[in-house]
Each structure stands twice: as C-alpha cells, then as structure tokens.
Amino acid sequence: MIERINPEGIPVPKSPYSLAVRAGDFLFLSGQGPVDQRTNEYSYGDIQHETRIVLGNLQRVLEGCGASMADVVKCSVFLKDGNDFQAMNAVYREFFEDNKPARTTVEAKFAEPRMKVEIDCIAYKPK
C-alpha cells in the first residue's frame, strides 16, 4: 500500500509532489530546501544556515509521519558548491550524531539558483 503524506502544520508544497510517501515500512521524503516553515519563504544564508533549515525541515516531516532522524537509512545531499562539503557536514553531524545513515553527496545546479543545499531521505519505520 502506498500512502502520500503531507503532515499537519507543515506548509503544503506549491509544486505537484508530496512531502512524504509511505511504501510499506519505508518513508520516502522529498528534497527539502532552505524554506522557513513559519513564513513558507526561502531563508538564504551561508551553507551552515541553510543546512540547519533543511535538516530541521526533514526532521519536522519525519516527526509528522511518526518517525525521527534515528529512523533515516539513506540521505542524498545536493550542494550548489562542492567546496561547501565540510561546512555542511559539520551541521549534518549535529542532526545525526551516532545514527549515521548511508549517504550520497553531489554537486548540483538548482532550479532556485540562490539555494546552496537540498537534502532528501529514506526512513524505515514499520507501522
């Protein structure tokens, strides 16, 4: 069974996608950019600022699905500038501590050109 989830209290995407999709015991979360959840507007800044917002957004979506960062098994990190890797990684470490998911990190060009980072993830959370 597939369930499309837009957790309550989190702004619904303006584009045609779900924030999360549950397929069996897995949650697939759409990529999150540096969008301030209070204003539903981008919050640009240095890579650490944007990474904190992005991971905070993923954390809120996971919690809205009944999961946590500890349930994440895979992340994909997209960086505008590969030179930001170390600074992004320092913030990433704060959110995952000892629960290190598998990860891919690539340099990418974004549709929103001022964005510096986008992250999506897959979590395992049996119902």
N, C-alpha and C. Protein backbone atom coordinates (compact mmCIF):
# COMPACT_ATOMS: atom_id res chain seq x y z
N MET A 1 0.83 -1.18 0.00
CA MET A 1 0.00 0.00 0.00
C MET A 1 0.88 1.25 0.00
N ILE A 2 0.51 2.21 -0.79
CA ILE A 2 1.24 3.47 -0.86
C ILE A 2 0.36 4.58 -0.30
N GLU A 3 0.96 5.39 0.59
CA GLU A 3 0.24 6.49 1.22
C GLU A 3 1.03 7.77 1.01
N ARG A 4 0.38 8.79 0.49
CA ARG A 4 1.01 10.09 0.31
C ARG A 4 0.71 10.94 1.53
N ILE A 5 1.76 11.55 2.10
CA ILE A 5 1.62 12.23 3.39
C ILE A 5 2.09 13.68 3.30
N ASN A 6 1.24 14.58 3.75
CA ASN A 6 1.59 15.98 3.95
C ASN A 6 1.23 16.28 5.41
N PRO A 7 2.21 16.10 6.32
CA PRO A 7 1.91 16.22 7.76
C PRO A 7 1.28 17.56 8.12
N GLU A 8 0.35 17.50 9.06
CA GLU A 8 -0.34 18.69 9.55
C GLU A 8 0.66 19.68 10.14
N GLY A 9 0.43 20.96 9.88
CA GLY A 9 1.27 22.00 10.45
C GLY A 9 2.49 22.34 9.61
N ILE A 10 2.70 21.61 8.52
CA ILE A 10 3.83 21.87 7.63
C ILE A 10 3.25 22.38 6.31
N PRO A 11 3.74 23.51 5.82
CA PRO A 11 3.18 24.06 4.58
C PRO A 11 3.17 23.03 3.44
N VAL A 12 2.05 22.96 2.75
CA VAL A 12 1.90 22.06 1.62
C VAL A 12 2.75 22.60 0.47
N PRO A 13 3.48 21.73 -0.22
CA PRO A 13 4.31 22.19 -1.34
C PRO A 13 3.49 22.93 -2.40
N LYS A 14 4.12 23.93 -3.00
CA LYS A 14 3.48 24.69 -4.07
C LYS A 14 3.52 23.91 -5.38
N SER A 15 4.47 22.99 -5.48
CA SER A 15 4.63 22.18 -6.69
C SER A 15 3.90 20.85 -6.51
N PRO A 16 3.71 20.10 -7.60
CA PRO A 16 2.94 18.85 -7.54
C PRO A 16 3.74 17.66 -7.01
N TYR A 17 3.95 17.62 -5.69
CA TYR A 17 4.59 16.47 -5.05
C TYR A 17 4.14 16.38 -3.60
N SER A 18 4.34 15.22 -3.01
CA SER A 18 4.02 15.01 -1.59
C SER A 18 5.29 15.22 -0.77
N LEU A 19 5.13 15.70 0.45
CA LEU A 19 6.28 15.84 1.33
C LEU A 19 6.88 14.48 1.65
N ALA A 20 6.01 13.48 1.82
CA ALA A 20 6.48 12.13 2.13
C ALA A 20 5.54 11.11 1.49
N VAL A 21 6.10 9.96 1.20
CA VAL A 21 5.32 8.85 0.70
C VAL A 21 5.71 7.61 1.49
N ARG A 22 4.72 6.95 2.08
CA ARG A 22 4.98 5.69 2.78
C ARG A 22 4.70 4.56 1.80
N ALA A 23 5.67 3.67 1.66
CA ALA A 23 5.52 2.46 0.86
C ALA A 23 5.94 1.31 1.77
N GLY A 24 4.96 0.58 2.27
CA GLY A 24 5.25 -0.47 3.24
C GLY A 24 5.82 0.14 4.52
N ASP A 25 6.99 -0.32 4.92
CA ASP A 25 7.62 0.16 6.14
C ASP A 25 8.61 1.29 5.89
N PHE A 26 8.66 1.78 4.66
CA PHE A 26 9.62 2.84 4.32
C PHE A 26 8.91 4.17 4.08
N LEU A 27 9.57 5.24 4.50
CA LEU A 27 9.13 6.61 4.23
C LEU A 27 10.13 7.25 3.29
N PHE A 28 9.65 7.79 2.19
CA PHE A 28 10.48 8.49 1.22
C PHE A 28 10.14 9.97 1.33
N LEU A 29 11.09 10.78 1.78
CA LEU A 29 10.85 12.21 1.94
C LEU A 29 11.40 12.98 0.77
N SER A 30 10.58 13.88 0.24
CA SER A 30 11.01 14.74 -0.86
C SER A 30 12.14 15.65 -0.40
N GLY A 31 12.94 16.09 -1.36
CA GLY A 31 14.03 17.01 -1.05
C GLY A 31 13.51 18.28 -0.41
N GLN A 32 14.23 18.72 0.60
CA GLN A 32 13.89 19.95 1.30
C GLN A 32 14.95 20.99 1.00
N GLY A 33 14.48 22.19 0.71
CA GLY A 33 15.38 23.33 0.54
C GLY A 33 15.32 24.19 1.79
N PRO A 34 16.03 25.30 1.78
CA PRO A 34 16.07 26.17 2.96
C PRO A 34 14.84 27.07 3.07
N VAL A 35 13.69 26.46 3.27
CA VAL A 35 12.43 27.20 3.39
C VAL A 35 12.06 27.33 4.86
N ASP A 36 11.88 28.54 5.31
CA ASP A 36 11.46 28.81 6.69
C ASP A 36 10.01 28.35 6.82
N GLN A 37 9.77 27.37 7.69
CA GLN A 37 8.43 26.80 7.84
C GLN A 37 7.41 27.81 8.38
N ARG A 38 7.86 28.83 9.09
CA ARG A 38 6.93 29.83 9.63
C ARG A 38 6.40 30.75 8.54
N THR A 39 7.25 31.10 7.58
CA THR A 39 6.86 32.05 6.54
C THR A 39 6.58 31.39 5.19
N ASN A 40 7.04 30.15 5.04
CA ASN A 40 6.97 29.40 3.78
C ASN A 40 7.73 30.12 2.67
N GLU A 41 8.79 30.82 3.05
CA GLU A 41 9.66 31.53 2.11
C GLU A 41 11.09 31.02 2.28
N TYR A 42 11.88 31.13 1.22
CA TYR A 42 13.29 30.74 1.31
C TYR A 42 14.01 31.61 2.33
N SER A 43 14.95 31.00 3.04
CA SER A 43 15.80 31.71 4.00
C SER A 43 17.24 31.45 3.59
N TYR A 44 17.79 32.34 2.80
CA TYR A 44 19.14 32.16 2.28
C TYR A 44 20.17 32.63 3.31
N GLY A 45 21.34 32.05 3.22
CA GLY A 45 22.43 32.42 4.10
C GLY A 45 23.64 31.58 3.74
N ASP A 46 24.57 31.46 4.67
CA ASP A 46 25.72 30.60 4.38
C ASP A 46 25.28 29.14 4.40
N ILE A 47 26.16 28.25 4.01
CA ILE A 47 25.80 26.83 3.88
C ILE A 47 25.36 26.24 5.21
N GLN A 48 25.96 26.67 6.32
CA GLN A 48 25.55 26.12 7.61
C GLN A 48 24.14 26.56 7.97
N HIS A 49 23.81 27.82 7.73
CA HIS A 49 22.45 28.31 7.97
C HIS A 49 21.44 27.50 7.16
N GLU A 50 21.70 27.36 5.87
CA GLU A 50 20.76 26.66 5.00
C GLU A 50 20.66 25.18 5.36
N THR A 51 21.79 24.56 5.71
CA THR A 51 21.77 23.14 6.07
C THR A 51 20.93 22.92 7.33
N ARG A 52 21.05 23.81 8.31
CA ARG A 52 20.24 23.70 9.54
C ARG A 52 18.75 23.77 9.23
N ILE A 53 18.38 24.68 8.36
CA ILE A 53 16.96 24.81 7.99
C ILE A 53 16.49 23.55 7.26
N VAL A 54 17.28 23.10 6.30
CA VAL A 54 16.92 21.92 5.51
C VAL A 54 16.74 20.70 6.41
N LEU A 55 17.72 20.43 7.28
CA LEU A 55 17.62 19.25 8.15
C LEU A 55 16.51 19.41 9.18
N GLY A 56 16.28 20.63 9.65
CA GLY A 56 15.15 20.88 10.55
C GLY A 56 13.83 20.58 9.86
N ASN A 57 13.73 20.95 8.58
CA ASN A 57 12.52 20.66 7.81
C ASN A 57 12.32 19.16 7.65
N LEU A 58 13.40 18.44 7.32
CA LEU A 58 13.29 16.98 7.21
C LEU A 58 12.86 16.38 8.54
N GLN A 59 13.43 16.87 9.62
CA GLN A 59 13.10 16.37 10.96
C GLN A 59 11.60 16.57 11.26
N ARG A 60 11.06 17.74 10.93
CA ARG A 60 9.64 18.00 11.17
C ARG A 60 8.75 17.10 10.32
N VAL A 61 9.12 16.88 9.07
CA VAL A 61 8.32 15.98 8.22
C VAL A 61 8.37 14.57 8.78
N LEU A 62 9.55 14.11 9.17
CA LEU A 62 9.67 12.77 9.77
C LEU A 62 8.78 12.66 11.00
N GLU A 63 8.85 13.64 11.89
CA GLU A 63 8.04 13.62 13.10
C GLU A 63 6.56 13.62 12.77
N GLY A 64 6.18 14.35 11.73
CA GLY A 64 4.79 14.37 11.29
C GLY A 64 4.33 13.03 10.74
N CYS A 65 5.29 12.18 10.39
CA CYS A 65 4.99 10.83 9.90
C CYS A 65 5.18 9.78 10.99
N GLY A 66 5.48 10.23 12.22
CA GLY A 66 5.68 9.30 13.33
C GLY A 66 7.07 8.70 13.38
N ALA A 67 8.04 9.33 12.74
CA ALA A 67 9.41 8.83 12.70
C ALA A 67 10.37 9.88 13.27
N SER A 68 11.65 9.57 13.26
CA SER A 68 12.66 10.50 13.75
C SER A 68 13.92 10.39 12.89
N MET A 69 14.88 11.25 13.15
CA MET A 69 16.14 11.20 12.42
C MET A 69 16.85 9.85 12.63
N ALA A 70 16.62 9.22 13.76
CA ALA A 70 17.24 7.91 14.03
C ALA A 70 16.72 6.83 13.10
N ASP A 71 15.56 7.06 12.46
CA ASP A 71 14.98 6.08 11.54
C ASP A 71 15.48 6.23 10.11
N VAL A 72 16.26 7.28 9.84
CA VAL A 72 16.74 7.54 8.48
C VAL A 72 17.81 6.52 8.11
N VAL A 73 17.62 5.89 6.94
CA VAL A 73 18.58 4.89 6.46
C VAL A 73 19.42 5.40 5.30
N LYS A 74 18.95 6.45 4.61
CA LYS A 74 19.67 6.97 3.44
C LYS A 74 19.35 8.44 3.23
N CYS A 75 20.36 9.23 2.97
CA CYS A 75 20.19 10.63 2.59
C CYS A 75 20.90 10.90 1.27
N SER A 76 20.34 11.79 0.51
CA SER A 76 21.01 12.32 -0.67
C SER A 76 21.17 13.82 -0.44
N VAL A 77 22.39 14.29 -0.52
CA VAL A 77 22.71 15.70 -0.29
C VAL A 77 23.14 16.31 -1.61
N PHE A 78 22.54 17.43 -1.96
CA PHE A 78 22.85 18.13 -3.19
C PHE A 78 23.40 19.51 -2.80
N LEU A 79 24.62 19.79 -3.21
CA LEU A 79 25.29 21.05 -2.90
C LEU A 79 25.48 21.88 -4.16
N LYS A 80 25.22 23.17 -4.06
CA LYS A 80 25.49 24.06 -5.19
C LYS A 80 26.99 24.12 -5.46
N ASP A 81 27.77 24.13 -4.38
CA ASP A 81 29.22 24.25 -4.47
C ASP A 81 29.87 23.15 -3.64
N GLY A 82 30.57 22.25 -4.30
CA GLY A 82 31.23 21.16 -3.60
C GLY A 82 32.21 21.61 -2.53
N ASN A 83 32.69 22.84 -2.64
CA ASN A 83 33.60 23.37 -1.62
C ASN A 83 32.89 23.59 -0.28
N ASP A 84 31.57 23.53 -0.26
CA ASP A 84 30.81 23.68 0.98
C ASP A 84 30.67 22.37 1.76
N PHE A 85 31.27 21.31 1.25
CA PHE A 85 31.08 19.99 1.86
C PHE A 85 31.42 19.96 3.34
N GLN A 86 32.57 20.43 3.73
CA GLN A 86 32.99 20.34 5.14
C GLN A 86 32.06 21.12 6.06
N ALA A 87 31.67 22.31 5.67
CA ALA A 87 30.77 23.13 6.49
C ALA A 87 29.39 22.49 6.59
N MET A 88 28.89 21.95 5.48
CA MET A 88 27.60 21.24 5.51
C MET A 88 27.71 20.03 6.42
N ASN A 89 28.80 19.30 6.30
CA ASN A 89 28.99 18.07 7.06
C ASN A 89 29.01 18.32 8.57
N ALA A 90 29.54 19.46 8.98
CA ALA A 90 29.59 19.80 10.41
C ALA A 90 28.17 19.92 10.97
N VAL A 91 27.27 20.56 10.23
CA VAL A 91 25.87 20.69 10.68
C VAL A 91 25.17 19.35 10.58
N TYR A 92 25.39 18.62 9.50
CA TYR A 92 24.78 17.30 9.29
C TYR A 92 25.08 16.40 10.48
N ARG A 93 26.32 16.43 10.95
CA ARG A 93 26.76 15.62 12.09
C ARG A 93 25.92 15.93 13.34
N GLU A 94 25.55 17.20 13.54
CA GLU A 94 24.74 17.60 14.70
C GLU A 94 23.38 16.92 14.70
N PHE A 95 22.81 16.72 13.53
CA PHE A 95 21.47 16.14 13.44
C PHE A 95 21.46 14.63 13.52
N PHE A 96 22.55 13.99 13.12
CA PHE A 96 22.55 12.53 13.08
C PHE A 96 23.40 11.88 14.18
N GLU A 97 24.33 12.59 14.78
CA GLU A 97 25.16 12.09 15.87
C GLU A 97 25.63 10.67 15.58
N ASP A 98 25.20 9.70 16.39
CA ASP A 98 25.65 8.31 16.22
C ASP A 98 24.79 7.51 15.24
N ASN A 99 23.67 8.06 14.82
CA ASN A 99 22.77 7.37 13.89
C ASN A 99 23.10 7.79 12.46
N LYS A 100 24.18 7.28 11.95
CA LYS A 100 24.67 7.72 10.64
C LYS A 100 24.03 6.91 9.52
N PRO A 101 23.16 7.55 8.72
CA PRO A 101 22.57 6.84 7.58
C PRO A 101 23.58 6.74 6.43
N ALA A 102 23.29 5.87 5.48
CA ALA A 102 24.06 5.86 4.24
C ALA A 102 23.82 7.21 3.56
N ARG A 103 24.77 7.65 2.74
CA ARG A 103 24.62 8.98 2.15
C ARG A 103 25.33 9.09 0.81
N THR A 104 24.75 9.89 -0.05
CA THR A 104 25.37 10.31 -1.30
C THR A 104 25.40 11.83 -1.27
N THR A 105 26.51 12.42 -1.69
CA THR A 105 26.61 13.88 -1.77
C THR A 105 27.14 14.23 -3.15
N VAL A 106 26.41 15.11 -3.84
CA VAL A 106 26.82 15.52 -5.17
C VAL A 106 26.69 17.04 -5.32
N GLU A 107 27.44 17.58 -6.25
CA GLU A 107 27.29 18.98 -6.61
C GLU A 107 26.19 19.06 -7.66
N ALA A 108 25.31 20.06 -7.52
CA ALA A 108 24.15 20.13 -8.41
C ALA A 108 23.79 21.58 -8.74
N LYS A 109 23.06 21.73 -9.82
CA LYS A 109 22.51 23.03 -10.20
C LYS A 109 21.03 22.99 -9.83
N PHE A 110 20.56 24.02 -9.11
CA PHE A 110 19.19 24.04 -8.63
C PHE A 110 18.29 24.90 -9.51
N ALA A 111 17.00 24.55 -9.51
CA ALA A 111 16.00 25.37 -10.20
C ALA A 111 15.90 26.74 -9.54
N GLU A 112 16.07 26.77 -8.21
CA GLU A 112 16.11 28.04 -7.46
C GLU A 112 17.60 28.37 -7.30
N PRO A 113 18.14 29.27 -8.13
CA PRO A 113 19.59 29.46 -8.21
C PRO A 113 20.29 29.98 -6.95
N ARG A 114 19.56 30.56 -6.01
CA ARG A 114 20.22 31.06 -4.79
C ARG A 114 20.38 29.99 -3.71
N MET A 115 19.68 28.86 -3.87
CA MET A 115 19.82 27.76 -2.91
C MET A 115 21.23 27.21 -2.91
N LYS A 116 21.70 26.82 -1.73
CA LYS A 116 23.02 26.21 -1.61
C LYS A 116 22.95 24.71 -1.34
N VAL A 117 21.80 24.22 -0.81
CA VAL A 117 21.71 22.82 -0.42
C VAL A 117 20.27 22.33 -0.47
N GLU A 118 20.12 21.08 -0.85
CA GLU A 118 18.85 20.37 -0.77
C GLU A 118 19.16 18.95 -0.32
N ILE A 119 18.32 18.41 0.55
CA ILE A 119 18.54 17.06 1.06
C ILE A 119 17.22 16.30 1.04
N ASP A 120 17.25 15.04 0.59
CA ASP A 120 16.10 14.16 0.73
C ASP A 120 16.53 12.94 1.54
N CYS A 121 15.58 12.13 1.95
CA CYS A 121 15.97 10.95 2.73
C CYS A 121 14.93 9.84 2.63
N ILE A 122 15.37 8.67 3.05
CA ILE A 122 14.52 7.49 3.16
C ILE A 122 14.65 7.01 4.61
N ALA A 123 13.50 6.73 5.22
CA ALA A 123 13.50 6.25 6.60
C ALA A 123 12.78 4.91 6.66
N TYR A 124 13.15 4.09 7.62
CA TYR A 124 12.50 2.81 7.85
C TYR A 124 11.74 2.92 9.16
N LYS A 125 10.42 2.86 9.07
CA LYS A 125 9.57 2.99 10.26
C LYS A 125 8.35 2.10 10.08
N PRO A 126 8.42 0.85 10.57
CA PRO A 126 7.24 -0.02 10.48
C PRO A 126 6.05 0.60 11.18
N LYS A 127 4.87 0.39 10.61
CA LYS A 127 3.62 0.91 11.22
C LYS A 127 3.31 0.16 12.48
